[in-house]
C-alpha atoms as a PDB file:
ATOM      1  CA  UNK A   1     -71.188  -2.629  -0.732  1.00  0.00           C
ATOM      2  CA  UNK A   2     -74.007  -5.137  -0.528  1.00  0.00           C
ATOM      3  CA  UNK A   3     -71.580  -8.009  -1.298  1.00  0.00           C
ATOM      4  CA  UNK A   4     -69.242  -6.843   1.539  1.00  0.00           C
ATOM      5  CA  UNK A   5     -71.983  -6.777   4.124  1.00  0.00           C
ATOM      6  CA  UNK A   6     -73.131 -10.388   2.955  1.00  0.00           C
ATOM      7  CA  UNK A   7     -69.597 -11.536   3.248  1.00  0.00           C
ATOM      8  CA  UNK A   8     -69.318  -9.962   6.827  1.00  0.00           C
ATOM      9  CA  UNK A   9     -72.537 -11.481   8.055  1.00  0.00           C
ATOM     10  CA  UNK A  10     -71.496 -14.948   6.706  1.00  0.00           C
ATOM     11  CA  UNK A  11     -68.264 -14.624   8.516  1.00  0.00           C
ATOM     12  CA  UNK A  12     -70.038 -13.910  11.845  1.00  0.00           C
ATOM     13  CA  UNK A  13     -72.268 -16.841  11.354  1.00  0.00           C
ATOM     14  CA  UNK A  14     -69.295 -19.127  10.575  1.00  0.00           C
ATOM     15  CA  UNK A  15     -67.119 -17.969  13.520  1.00  0.00           C
ATOM     16  CA  UNK A  16     -70.121 -18.252  15.879  1.00  0.00           C
ATOM     17  CA  UNK A  17     -70.537 -21.855  14.755  1.00  0.00           C
ATOM     18  CA  UNK A  18     -67.073 -22.602  15.665  1.00  0.00           C
ATOM     19  CA  UNK A  19     -67.419 -20.976  19.028  1.00  0.00           C
ATOM     20  CA  UNK A  20     -64.846 -18.267  18.175  1.00  0.00           C
ATOM     21  CA  UNK A  21     -67.315 -15.400  18.617  1.00  0.00           C
ATOM     22  CA  UNK A  22     -69.792 -14.770  21.470  1.00  0.00           C
ATOM     23  CA  UNK A  23     -67.437 -15.703  24.561  1.00  0.00           C
ATOM     24  CA  UNK A  24     -68.608 -14.012  27.645  1.00  0.00           C
ATOM     25  CA  UNK A  25     -66.111 -11.910  29.566  1.00  0.00           C
ATOM     26  CA  UNK A  26     -67.562 -13.112  32.855  1.00  0.00           C
ATOM     27  CA  UNK A  27     -64.956 -15.129  34.835  1.00  0.00           C
ATOM     28  CA  UNK A  28     -65.978 -18.794  35.527  1.00  0.00           C
ATOM     29  CA  UNK A  29     -64.635 -18.713  39.172  1.00  0.00           C
ATOM     30  CA  UNK A  30     -64.415 -16.095  41.963  1.00  0.00           C
ATOM     31  CA  UNK A  31     -61.940 -16.283  44.885  1.00  0.00           C
ATOM     32  CA  UNK A  32     -63.673 -16.291  48.117  1.00  0.00           C
ATOM     33  CA  UNK A  33     -61.046 -17.014  50.677  1.00  0.00           C
ATOM     34  CA  UNK A  34     -57.475 -17.846  51.192  1.00  0.00           C
ATOM     35  CA  UNK A  35     -55.769 -19.143  54.284  1.00  0.00           C
ATOM     36  CA  UNK A  36     -52.203 -20.187  55.155  1.00  0.00           C
ATOM     37  CA  UNK A  37     -50.977 -23.707  55.572  1.00  0.00           C
ATOM     38  CA  UNK A  38     -48.228 -24.789  58.004  1.00  0.00           C
ATOM     39  CA  UNK A  39     -45.616 -24.842  55.262  1.00  0.00           C
ATOM     40  CA  UNK A  40     -42.629 -24.280  54.880  1.00  0.00           C
ATOM     41  CA  UNK A  41     -43.616 -21.889  52.158  1.00  0.00           C
ATOM     42  CA  UNK A  42     -42.348 -22.394  48.495  1.00  0.00           C
ATOM     43  CA  UNK A  43     -42.602 -26.150  48.468  1.00  0.00           C
ATOM     44  CA  UNK A  44     -44.573 -28.173  45.920  1.00  0.00           C
ATOM     45  CA  UNK A  45     -48.005 -29.438  46.690  1.00  0.00           C
ATOM     46  CA  UNK A  46     -49.647 -32.479  45.017  1.00  0.00           C
ATOM     47  CA  UNK A  47     -52.811 -34.259  45.094  1.00  0.00           C
ATOM     48  CA  UNK A  48     -56.061 -33.376  47.212  1.00  0.00           C
ATOM     49  CA  UNK A  49     -59.203 -35.369  48.071  1.00  0.00           C
ATOM     50  CA  UNK A  50     -62.311 -34.543  50.105  1.00  0.00           C
ATOM     51  CA  UNK A  51     -63.686 -36.544  52.917  1.00  0.00           C
ATOM     52  CA  UNK A  52     -67.494 -35.744  52.549  1.00  0.00           C
ATOM     53  CA  UNK A  53     -68.440 -37.496  55.636  1.00  0.00           C
ATOM     54  CA  UNK A  54     -66.263 -35.229  57.938  1.00  0.00           C
ATOM     55  CA  UNK A  55     -66.231 -32.280  55.661  1.00  0.00           C
ATOM     56  CA  UNK A  56     -62.420 -32.544  55.446  1.00  0.00           C
ATOM     57  CA  UNK A  57     -60.055 -31.513  52.713  1.00  0.00           C
ATOM     58  CA  UNK A  58     -56.954 -33.720  52.678  1.00  0.00           C
ATOM     59  CA  UNK A  59     -53.977 -32.121  51.102  1.00  0.00           C
ATOM     60  CA  UNK A  60     -50.592 -33.645  50.210  1.00  0.00           C
ATOM     61  CA  UNK A  61     -47.650 -31.131  50.668  1.00  0.00           C
ATOM     62  CA  UNK A  62     -45.238 -33.314  48.600  1.00  0.00           C
ATOM     63  CA  UNK A  63     -41.986 -31.303  49.204  1.00  0.00           C
ATOM     64  CA  UNK A  64     -42.722 -30.508  52.847  1.00  0.00           C
ATOM     65  CA  UNK A  65     -43.172 -34.333  53.448  1.00  0.00           C
ATOM     66  CA  UNK A  66     -46.435 -33.769  55.296  1.00  0.00           C
ATOM     67  CA  UNK A  67     -50.210 -33.849  54.614  1.00  0.00           C
ATOM     68  CA  UNK A  68     -52.916 -31.590  56.030  1.00  0.00           C
ATOM     69  CA  UNK A  69     -56.396 -32.231  57.194  1.00  0.00           C
ATOM     70  CA  UNK A  70     -58.563 -29.134  56.642  1.00  0.00           C
ATOM     71  CA  UNK A  71     -62.050 -28.540  58.047  1.00  0.00           C
ATOM     72  CA  UNK A  72     -63.956 -27.211  55.032  1.00  0.00           C
ATOM     73  CA  UNK A  73     -66.630 -25.600  57.279  1.00  0.00           C
ATOM     74  CA  UNK A  74     -64.099 -23.462  59.085  1.00  0.00           C
ATOM     75  CA  UNK A  75     -61.136 -23.444  56.568  1.00  0.00           C
ATOM     76  CA  UNK A  76     -58.900 -24.344  59.457  1.00  0.00           C
ATOM     77  CA  UNK A  77     -56.096 -26.921  59.454  1.00  0.00           C
ATOM     78  CA  UNK A  78     -57.126 -29.544  62.247  1.00  0.00           C
ATOM     79  CA  UNK A  79     -54.079 -31.760  61.814  1.00  0.00           C
ATOM     80  CA  UNK A  80     -50.612 -31.900  60.130  1.00  0.00           C
ATOM     81  CA  UNK A  81     -49.683 -35.480  59.528  1.00  0.00           C
ATOM     82  CA  UNK A  82     -46.044 -35.928  59.324  1.00  0.00           C
ATOM     83  CA  UNK A  83     -44.054 -39.108  58.244  1.00  0.00           C
ATOM     84  CA  UNK A  84     -45.317 -38.794  54.741  1.00  0.00           C
ATOM     85  CA  UNK A  85     -42.298 -37.951  52.822  1.00  0.00           C
ATOM     86  CA  UNK A  86     -42.815 -36.759  49.246  1.00  0.00           C
ATOM     87  CA  UNK A  87     -46.604 -37.391  49.458  1.00  0.00           C
ATOM     88  CA  UNK A  88     -48.087 -37.366  46.112  1.00  0.00           C
ATOM     89  CA  UNK A  89     -51.434 -39.264  45.813  1.00  0.00           C
ATOM     90  CA  UNK A  90     -53.913 -39.374  48.669  1.00  0.00           C
ATOM     91  CA  UNK A  91     -57.138 -41.413  48.874  1.00  0.00           C
ATOM     92  CA  UNK A  92     -59.973 -41.569  51.416  1.00  0.00           C
ATOM     93  CA  UNK A  93     -61.627 -44.729  52.399  1.00  0.00           C
ATOM     94  CA  UNK A  94     -64.968 -43.714  54.075  1.00  0.00           C
ATOM     95  CA  UNK A  95     -66.056 -47.016  55.782  1.00  0.00           C
ATOM     96  CA  UNK A  96     -62.690 -47.281  57.466  1.00  0.00           C
ATOM     97  CA  UNK A  97     -62.196 -43.556  58.394  1.00  0.00           C
ATOM     98  CA  UNK A  98     -58.703 -43.780  56.964  1.00  0.00           C
ATOM     99  CA  UNK A  99     -56.691 -42.312  53.966  1.00  0.00           C
ATOM    100  CA  UNK A 100     -53.706 -43.395  52.141  1.00  0.00           C
ATOM    101  CA  UNK A 101     -50.737 -41.340  51.022  1.00  0.00           C
ATOM    102  CA  UNK A 102     -48.412 -42.326  48.061  1.00  0.00           C
ATOM    103  CA  UNK A 103     -44.911 -41.469  49.550  1.00  0.00           C
ATOM    104  CA  UNK A 104     -42.397 -40.897  46.836  1.00  0.00           C
ATOM    105  CA  UNK A 105     -39.752 -40.080  49.275  1.00  0.00           C
ATOM    106  CA  UNK A 106     -39.367 -43.453  50.741  1.00  0.00           C
ATOM    107  CA  UNK A 107     -41.509 -45.558  48.223  1.00  0.00           C
ATOM    108  CA  UNK A 108     -44.165 -46.474  50.730  1.00  0.00           C
ATOM    109  CA  UNK A 109     -48.038 -46.034  50.905  1.00  0.00           C
ATOM    110  CA  UNK A 110     -48.861 -44.469  54.290  1.00  0.00           C
ATOM    111  CA  UNK A 111     -51.901 -45.611  56.223  1.00  0.00           C
ATOM    112  CA  UNK A 112     -53.434 -42.814  58.195  1.00  0.00           C
ATOM    113  CA  UNK A 113     -56.124 -43.228  60.804  1.00  0.00           C
ATOM    114  CA  UNK A 114     -58.340 -40.145  60.786  1.00  0.00           C
ATOM    115  CA  UNK A 115     -59.257 -40.644  64.413  1.00  0.00           C
ATOM    116  CA  UNK A 116     -55.699 -40.580  65.611  1.00  0.00           C
ATOM    117  CA  UNK A 117     -54.523 -38.248  62.940  1.00  0.00           C
ATOM    118  CA  UNK A 118     -51.272 -40.100  62.238  1.00  0.00           C
ATOM    119  CA  UNK A 119     -49.565 -42.710  60.244  1.00  0.00           C
ATOM    120  CA  UNK A 120     -50.268 -46.132  61.599  1.00  0.00           C
ATOM    121  CA  UNK A 121     -48.432 -48.458  58.952  1.00  0.00           C
ATOM    122  CA  UNK A 122     -46.512 -48.222  55.819  1.00  0.00           C
ATOM    123  CA  UNK A 123     -46.560 -50.543  52.918  1.00  0.00           C
ATOM    124  CA  UNK A 124     -43.509 -50.902  50.733  1.00  0.00           C
ATOM    125  CA  UNK A 125     -43.792 -50.170  47.003  1.00  0.00           C
ATOM    126  CA  UNK A 126     -41.376 -50.250  44.100  1.00  0.00           C
ATOM    127  CA  UNK A 127     -40.542 -46.723  42.822  1.00  0.00           C
ATOM    128  CA  UNK A 128     -42.430 -43.432  43.202  1.00  0.00           C
ATOM    129  CA  UNK A 129     -45.819 -44.308  44.074  1.00  0.00           C
ATOM    130  CA  UNK A 130     -48.208 -41.415  42.638  1.00  0.00           C
ATOM    131  CA  UNK A 131     -51.867 -41.257  41.926  1.00  0.00           C
ATOM    132  CA  UNK A 132     -54.383 -43.804  43.556  1.00  0.00           C
ATOM    133  CA  UNK A 133     -57.982 -44.862  43.374  1.00  0.00           C
ATOM    134  CA  UNK A 134     -60.438 -46.703  45.556  1.00  0.00           C
ATOM    135  CA  UNK A 135     -62.634 -49.581  44.286  1.00  0.00           C
ATOM    136  CA  UNK A 136     -65.099 -49.592  47.252  1.00  0.00           C
ATOM    137  CA  UNK A 137     -67.012 -52.708  46.495  1.00  0.00           C
ATOM    138  CA  UNK A 138     -63.860 -54.678  46.491  1.00  0.00           C
ATOM    139  CA  UNK A 139     -62.086 -53.059  49.382  1.00  0.00           C
ATOM    140  CA  UNK A 140     -59.129 -52.512  47.179  1.00  0.00           C
ATOM    141  CA  UNK A 141     -56.837 -49.411  46.755  1.00  0.00           C
ATOM    142  CA  UNK A 142     -54.821 -49.032  43.512  1.00  0.00           C
ATOM    143  CA  UNK A 143     -51.725 -47.115  43.640  1.00  0.00           C
ATOM    144  CA  UNK A 144     -49.585 -46.278  40.509  1.00  0.00           C
ATOM    145  CA  UNK A 145     -45.863 -46.921  40.996  1.00  0.00           C
ATOM    146  CA  UNK A 146     -45.119 -44.307  38.340  1.00  0.00           C
ATOM    147  CA  UNK A 147     -41.352 -45.171  37.781  1.00  0.00           C
ATOM    148  CA  UNK A 148     -41.698 -48.695  38.755  1.00  0.00           C
ATOM    149  CA  UNK A 149     -44.052 -48.936  35.846  1.00  0.00           C
ATOM    150  CA  UNK A 150     -46.548 -50.813  38.103  1.00  0.00           C
ATOM    151  CA  UNK A 151     -49.738 -50.650  40.044  1.00  0.00           C
ATOM    152  CA  UNK A 152     -49.893 -51.935  43.659  1.00  0.00           C
ATOM    153  CA  UNK A 153     -53.089 -53.358  44.917  1.00  0.00           C
ATOM    154  CA  UNK A 154     -53.928 -52.956  48.617  1.00  0.00           C
ATOM    155  CA  UNK A 155     -56.560 -54.780  50.571  1.00  0.00           C
ATOM    156  CA  UNK A 156     -57.595 -51.932  52.875  1.00  0.00           C
ATOM    157  CA  UNK A 157     -59.385 -54.472  55.443  1.00  0.00           C
ATOM    158  CA  UNK A 158     -55.921 -55.753  56.186  1.00  0.00           C
ATOM    159  CA  UNK A 159     -53.600 -52.967  54.911  1.00  0.00           C
ATOM    160  CA  UNK A 160     -51.430 -55.447  52.955  1.00  0.00           C
ATOM    161  CA  UNK A 161     -50.543 -55.543  49.174  1.00  0.00           C
ATOM    162  CA  UNK A 162     -52.541 -58.506  48.447  1.00  0.00           C
ATOM    163  CA  UNK A 163     -51.334 -59.631  45.053  1.00  0.00           C
ATOM    164  CA  UNK A 164     -48.121 -59.506  43.216  1.00  0.00           C
ATOM    165  CA  UNK A 165     -47.905 -55.897  41.845  1.00  0.00           C
ATOM    166  CA  UNK A 166     -49.061 -55.625  38.391  1.00  0.00           C
ATOM    167  CA  UNK A 167     -46.407 -54.540  36.024  1.00  0.00           C
ATOM    168  CA  UNK A 168     -46.548 -52.488  32.687  1.00  0.00           C
ATOM    169  CA  UNK A 169     -44.144 -51.544  29.818  1.00  0.00           C
ATOM    170  CA  UNK A 170     -44.800 -47.882  30.747  1.00  0.00           C
ATOM    171  CA  UNK A 171     -44.755 -45.351  33.389  1.00  0.00           C
ATOM    172  CA  UNK A 172     -48.195 -45.389  35.152  1.00  0.00           C
ATOM    173  CA  UNK A 173     -50.258 -42.280  35.863  1.00  0.00           C
ATOM    174  CA  UNK A 174     -53.474 -41.558  37.612  1.00  0.00           C
ATOM    175  CA  UNK A 175     -55.783 -44.520  38.023  1.00  0.00           C
ATOM    176  CA  UNK A 176     -59.555 -44.258  38.345  1.00  0.00           C
ATOM    177  CA  UNK A 177     -62.329 -46.705  39.486  1.00  0.00           C
ATOM    178  CA  UNK A 178     -65.473 -46.760  37.252  1.00  0.00           C
ATOM    179  CA  UNK A 179     -68.528 -47.785  39.531  1.00  0.00           C
ATOM    180  CA  UNK A 180     -70.816 -48.397  36.534  1.00  0.00           C
ATOM    181  CA  UNK A 181     -68.508 -50.786  34.738  1.00  0.00           C
ATOM    182  CA  UNK A 182     -66.636 -52.097  37.790  1.00  0.00           C
ATOM    183  CA  UNK A 183     -63.382 -51.583  36.161  1.00  0.00           C
ATOM    184  CA  UNK A 184     -60.190 -49.733  37.154  1.00  0.00           C
ATOM    185  CA  UNK A 185     -58.451 -47.539  34.441  1.00  0.00           C
ATOM    186  CA  UNK A 186     -54.801 -46.808  34.515  1.00  0.00           C
ATOM    187  CA  UNK A 187     -53.077 -44.412  32.400  1.00  0.00           C
ATOM    188  CA  UNK A 188     -50.008 -45.767  30.508  1.00  0.00           C
ATOM    189  CA  UNK A 189     -48.457 -42.418  29.884  1.00  0.00           C
ATOM    190  CA  UNK A 190     -45.514 -43.400  27.798  1.00  0.00           C
ATOM    191  CA  UNK A 191     -47.829 -45.133  25.255  1.00  0.00           C
ATOM    192  CA  UNK A 192     -50.715 -42.873  25.214  1.00  0.00           C
ATOM    193  CA  UNK A 193     -52.863 -45.757  26.191  1.00  0.00           C
ATOM    194  CA  UNK A 194     -54.911 -46.711  29.325  1.00  0.00           C
ATOM    195  CA  UNK A 195     -55.112 -50.092  30.583  1.00  0.00           C
ATOM    196  CA  UNK A 196     -58.487 -51.717  31.847  1.00  0.00           C
ATOM    197  CA  UNK A 197     -58.118 -53.788  35.156  1.00  0.00           C
ATOM    198  CA  UNK A 198     -60.884 -56.210  36.442  1.00  0.00           C
ATOM    199  CA  UNK A 199     -60.739 -55.669  40.335  1.00  0.00           C
ATOM    200  CA  UNK A 200     -62.454 -59.102  40.729  1.00  0.00           C
ATOM    201  CA  UNK A 201     -59.526 -60.765  39.321  1.00  0.00           C
ATOM    202  CA  UNK A 202     -56.863 -58.020  39.159  1.00  0.00           C
ATOM    203  CA  UNK A 203     -56.310 -59.123  35.575  1.00  0.00           C
ATOM    204  CA  UNK A 204     -55.575 -56.490  32.623  1.00  0.00           C
ATOM    205  CA  UNK A 205     -58.537 -57.008  30.444  1.00  0.00           C
ATOM    206  CA  UNK A 206     -57.969 -54.298  27.846  1.00  0.00           C
ATOM    207  CA  UNK A 207     -55.801 -51.579  26.564  1.00  0.00           C
ATOM    208  CA  UNK A 208     -57.151 -48.526  24.649  1.00  0.00           C
ATOM    209  CA  UNK A 209     -55.205 -45.851  22.661  1.00  0.00           C
ATOM    210  CA  UNK A 210     -56.377 -42.359  23.482  1.00  0.00           C
ATOM    211  CA  UNK A 211     -56.003 -40.803  19.944  1.00  0.00           C
ATOM    212  CA  UNK A 212     -54.212 -37.572  19.772  1.00  0.00           C
ATOM    213  CA  UNK A 213     -53.502 -37.324  23.506  1.00  0.00           C
ATOM    214  CA  UNK A 214     -49.802 -37.411  24.448  1.00  0.00           C
ATOM    215  CA  UNK A 215     -48.476 -37.829  28.005  1.00  0.00           C
ATOM    216  CA  UNK A 216     -51.854 -38.800  29.515  1.00  0.00           C
ATOM    217  CA  UNK A 217     -50.920 -38.314  33.110  1.00  0.00           C
ATOM    218  CA  UNK A 218     -54.189 -36.991  34.693  1.00  0.00           C
ATOM    219  CA  UNK A 219     -57.519 -38.524  34.528  1.00  0.00           C
ATOM    220  CA  UNK A 220     -61.061 -38.193  36.041  1.00  0.00           C
ATOM    221  CA  UNK A 221     -64.364 -39.822  35.247  1.00  0.00           C
ATOM    222  CA  UNK A 222     -68.106 -38.993  34.629  1.00  0.00           C
ATOM    223  CA  UNK A 223     -69.546 -42.437  35.521  1.00  0.00           C
ATOM    224  CA  UNK A 224     -73.132 -41.304  34.646  1.00  0.00           C
ATOM    225  CA  UNK A 225     -72.324 -40.688  30.992  1.00  0.00           C
ATOM    226  CA  UNK A 226     -69.467 -43.033  30.842  1.00  0.00           C
ATOM    227  CA  UNK A 227     -66.787 -40.515  29.861  1.00  0.00           C
ATOM    228  CA  UNK A 228     -63.299 -40.340  30.894  1.00  0.00           C
ATOM    229  CA  UNK A 229     -61.389 -36.812  30.775  1.00  0.00           C
ATOM    230  CA  UNK A 230     -57.671 -36.925  30.310  1.00  0.00           C
ATOM    231  CA  UNK A 231     -55.177 -34.302  30.960  1.00  0.00           C
ATOM    232  CA  UNK A 232     -52.634 -34.733  28.097  1.00  0.00           C
ATOM    233  CA  UNK A 233     -49.525 -33.133  29.197  1.00  0.00           C
ATOM    234  CA  UNK A 234     -47.571 -33.865  26.055  1.00  0.00           C
ATOM    235  CA  UNK A 235     -49.593 -31.759  23.782  1.00  0.00           C
ATOM    236  CA  UNK A 236     -51.793 -29.795  26.255  1.00  0.00           C
ATOM    237  CA  UNK A 237     -55.076 -31.249  25.147  1.00  0.00           C
ATOM    238  CA  UNK A 238     -58.080 -32.146  27.344  1.00  0.00           C
ATOM    239  CA  UNK A 239     -59.223 -35.289  25.796  1.00  0.00           C
ATOM    240  CA  UNK A 240     -62.698 -36.747  26.177  1.00  0.00           C
ATOM    241  CA  UNK A 241     -62.827 -40.672  25.971  1.00  0.00           C
ATOM    242  CA  UNK A 242     -65.998 -42.614  25.284  1.00  0.00           C
ATOM    243  CA  UNK A 243     -65.732 -45.601  27.715  1.00  0.00           C
ATOM    244  CA  UNK A 244     -68.570 -47.493  25.752  1.00  0.00           C
ATOM    245  CA  UNK A 245     -67.055 -47.099  22.222  1.00  0.00           C
ATOM    246  CA  UNK A 246     -63.342 -47.126  23.661  1.00  0.00           C
ATOM    247  CA  UNK A 247     -62.469 -44.120  21.574  1.00  0.00           C
ATOM    248  CA  UNK A 248     -61.600 -40.420  21.951  1.00  0.00           C
ATOM    249  CA  UNK A 249     -64.530 -38.013  20.942  1.00  0.00           C
ATOM    250  CA  UNK A 250     -63.073 -34.632  21.729  1.00  0.00           C
ATOM    251  CA  UNK A 251     -59.948 -32.699  22.049  1.00  0.00           C
ATOM    252  CA  UNK A 252     -59.707 -29.163  23.532  1.00  0.00           C
ATOM    253  CA  UNK A 253     -56.636 -26.996  24.214  1.00  0.00           C
ATOM    254  CA  UNK A 254     -55.502 -26.386  27.643  1.00  0.00           C
ATOM    255  CA  UNK A 255     -53.175 -23.779  29.276  1.00  0.00           C
ATOM    256  CA  UNK A 256     -49.500 -24.620  29.554  1.00  0.00           C
ATOM    257  CA  UNK A 257     -48.312 -27.137  32.091  1.00  0.00           C
ATOM    258  CA  UNK A 258     -51.526 -29.086  32.682  1.00  0.00           C
ATOM    259  CA  UNK A 259     -51.656 -31.679  35.504  1.00  0.00           C
ATOM    260  CA  UNK A 260     -54.469 -32.567  37.690  1.00  0.00           C
ATOM    261  CA  UNK A 261     -58.104 -32.696  36.174  1.00  0.00           C
ATOM    262  CA  UNK A 262     -61.321 -32.829  38.101  1.00  0.00           C
ATOM    263  CA  UNK A 263     -65.036 -33.065  37.062  1.00  0.00           C
ATOM    264  CA  UNK A 264     -68.074 -31.379  38.857  1.00  0.00           C
ATOM    265  CA  UNK A 265     -71.001 -33.464  37.894  1.00  0.00           C
ATOM    266  CA  UNK A 266     -73.511 -31.095  39.222  1.00  0.00           C
ATOM    267  CA  UNK A 267     -72.278 -28.039  36.997  1.00  0.00           C
ATOM    268  CA  UNK A 268     -70.904 -30.614  34.384  1.00  0.00           C
ATOM    269  CA  UNK A 269     -67.645 -28.627  34.398  1.00  0.00           C
ATOM    270  CA  UNK A 270     -64.126 -30.009  33.880  1.00  0.00           C
ATOM    271  CA  UNK A 271     -61.210 -28.067  35.733  1.00  0.00           C
ATOM    272  CA  UNK A 272     -57.498 -28.581  34.963  1.00  0.00           C
ATOM    273  CA  UNK A 273     -54.731 -27.233  37.043  1.00  0.00           C
ATOM    274  CA  UNK A 274     -52.082 -25.669  34.780  1.00  0.00           C
ATOM    275  CA  UNK A 275     -48.676 -24.701  36.295  1.00  0.00           C
ATOM    276  CA  UNK A 276     -48.141 -21.891  33.807  1.00  0.00           C
ATOM    277  CA  UNK A 277     -50.599 -19.882  35.841  1.00  0.00           C
ATOM    278  CA  UNK A 278     -54.226 -20.826  34.826  1.00  0.00           C
ATOM    279  CA  UNK A 279     -57.075 -23.260  35.573  1.00  0.00           C
ATOM    280  CA  UNK A 280     -58.539 -24.355  32.281  1.00  0.00           C
ATOM    281  CA  UNK A 281     -62.294 -24.583  32.435  1.00  0.00           C
ATOM    282  CA  UNK A 282     -64.556 -26.682  30.069  1.00  0.00           C
ATOM    283  CA  UNK A 283     -68.338 -27.103  29.864  1.00  0.00           C
ATOM    284  CA  UNK A 284     -70.115 -30.426  29.036  1.00  0.00           C
ATOM    285  CA  UNK A 285     -73.121 -29.402  27.110  1.00  0.00           C
ATOM    286  CA  UNK A 286     -73.998 -33.171  26.627  1.00  0.00           C
ATOM    287  CA  UNK A 287     -72.259 -36.395  26.638  1.00  0.00           C
ATOM    288  CA  UNK A 288     -70.932 -35.837  23.136  1.00  0.00           C
ATOM    289  CA  UNK A 289     -70.499 -32.090  23.093  1.00  0.00           C
ATOM    290  CA  UNK A 290     -67.825 -29.883  25.100  1.00  0.00           C
ATOM    291  CA  UNK A 291     -66.541 -26.379  24.932  1.00  0.00           C
ATOM    292  CA  UNK A 292     -63.916 -24.332  26.540  1.00  0.00           C
ATOM    293  CA  UNK A 293     -65.006 -21.597  28.778  1.00  0.00           C
ATOM    294  CA  UNK A 294     -61.595 -20.021  29.570  1.00  0.00           C
ATOM    295  CA  UNK A 295     -58.238 -20.243  31.078  1.00  0.00           C
ATOM    296  CA  UNK A 296     -58.948 -18.722  34.363  1.00  0.00           C
ATOM    297  CA  UNK A 297     -55.717 -16.745  35.864  1.00  0.00           C
ATOM    298  CA  UNK A 298     -54.197 -18.078  38.984  1.00  0.00           C
ATOM    299  CA  UNK A 299     -50.702 -18.024  40.517  1.00  0.00           C
ATOM    300  CA  UNK A 300     -47.816 -19.913  38.604  1.00  0.00           C
ATOM    301  CA  UNK A 301     -47.307 -23.444  39.656  1.00  0.00           C
ATOM    302  CA  UNK A 302     -50.718 -24.327  40.714  1.00  0.00           C
ATOM    303  CA  UNK A 303     -51.194 -27.603  39.231  1.00  0.00           C
ATOM    304  CA  UNK A 304     -53.335 -29.488  41.566  1.00  0.00           C
ATOM    305  CA  UNK A 305     -56.933 -28.966  42.727  1.00  0.00           C
ATOM    306  CA  UNK A 306     -60.084 -30.522  44.169  1.00  0.00           C
ATOM    307  CA  UNK A 307     -63.652 -29.770  43.610  1.00  0.00           C
ATOM    308  CA  UNK A 308     -66.509 -30.208  46.210  1.00  0.00           C
ATOM    309  CA  UNK A 309     -69.529 -31.759  44.487  1.00  0.00           C
ATOM    310  CA  UNK A 310     -71.973 -30.327  47.092  1.00  0.00           C
ATOM    311  CA  UNK A 311     -70.795 -26.686  47.246  1.00  0.00           C
ATOM    312  CA  UNK A 312     -69.191 -26.570  43.688  1.00  0.00           C
ATOM    313  CA  UNK A 313     -66.143 -24.845  45.424  1.00  0.00           C
ATOM    314  CA  UNK A 314     -62.835 -25.366  44.134  1.00  0.00           C
ATOM    315  CA  UNK A 315     -59.656 -25.756  46.225  1.00  0.00           C
ATOM    316  CA  UNK A 316     -56.089 -25.015  44.934  1.00  0.00           C
ATOM    317  CA  UNK A 317     -52.909 -24.878  46.924  1.00  0.00           C
ATOM    318  CA  UNK A 318     -50.392 -22.174  46.200  1.00  0.00           C
ATOM    319  CA  UNK A 319     -46.671 -22.428  46.661  1.00  0.00           C
ATOM    320  CA  UNK A 320     -45.939 -18.854  45.366  1.00  0.00           C
ATOM    321  CA  UNK A 321     -47.677 -15.584  44.977  1.00  0.00           C
ATOM    322  CA  UNK A 322     -46.241 -12.976  42.566  1.00  0.00           C
ATOM    323  CA  UNK A 323     -42.755 -14.694  42.836  1.00  0.00           C
ATOM    324  CA  UNK A 324     -42.937 -14.934  46.691  1.00  0.00           C
ATOM    325  CA  UNK A 325     -42.793 -18.332  48.371  1.00  0.00           C
ATOM    326  CA  UNK A 326     -45.975 -19.113  50.184  1.00  0.00           C
ATOM    327  CA  UNK A 327     -47.908 -22.006  51.575  1.00  0.00           C
ATOM    328  CA  UNK A 328     -51.662 -21.553  51.292  1.00  0.00           C
ATOM    329  CA  UNK A 329     -54.867 -22.754  50.170  1.00  0.00           C
ATOM    330  CA  UNK A 330     -57.247 -20.748  47.921  1.00  0.00           C
ATOM    331  CA  UNK A 331     -60.990 -21.348  47.702  1.00  0.00           C
ATOM    332  CA  UNK A 332     -62.888 -20.500  44.580  1.00  0.00           C
ATOM    333  CA  UNK A 333     -66.726 -20.467  43.973  1.00  0.00           C
ATOM    334  CA  UNK A 334     -68.007 -21.438  40.539  1.00  0.00           C
ATOM    335  CA  UNK A 335     -69.701 -18.514  38.674  1.00  0.00           C
ATOM    336  CA  UNK A 336     -72.589 -19.939  36.441  1.00  0.00           C
ATOM    337  CA  UNK A 337     -72.901 -18.023  33.265  1.00  0.00           C
END
């Protein structure tokens, strides 16, 4: 009997060390409000971004061909910007009070003046513009032409594509600008590699494999600790990449259908929108140690999200609810365990 007890205690200690035991049943998120969007319902959404200056949430309604500007203080839609067909990526440029949409429907980058709340110019790209990132010190916007296997570089002071578009031998995923290293990282999702671009010269200065990650479409950064977080769709792993050592240091399982990934630096949480009906939530304990908190249940086809670093609220658009077509935004508050 004594031997059985010792074996049982040893098993508890072992599983606890692995993080298998001791998980809290407290959810990591709490829904606080939901509100309707202009629609039409049942149509796919894509990226969102936050204009912290004006307290706006900018949400691309891809399959509806329009983009919403939402006041975060009132949860009201203040403008519906049309002429953004197939809008996927959306990026805000604070000093110019403009945002840019990646319009897969007509292969253009749309320039939207926030004062007029309308498209004032379109820039022609190659094939399926998608994610985008803004390198503020260089006044350059980087837009991934996913199927064109390219990266368009826009001078936002002139609203022109200023150099010959950079071409790759892979479809390109979400780019990110690293303000610490002054570099732009671009996912080469067919090769499980990300390329490094120097925005001073717009030359590719490095390519780094991302270990076990497959189909690395989504990416977000923690500039303070120089880490990149990758949403690996091919094998459903959230990958942590050390940007100093140029190597992956952690792999954690996500729910099915992972897509957009976001980091809340205040809470040190990573969120991944997963189309199977979950938001996968991870905790950064320190720069080298990470753990999964839960797969928080949401409606199916929720694959995109944005996090407000000031309020720690999470925003996720829904296109269906219990099988019924909808067009609405759901707001969650973070629950700290």
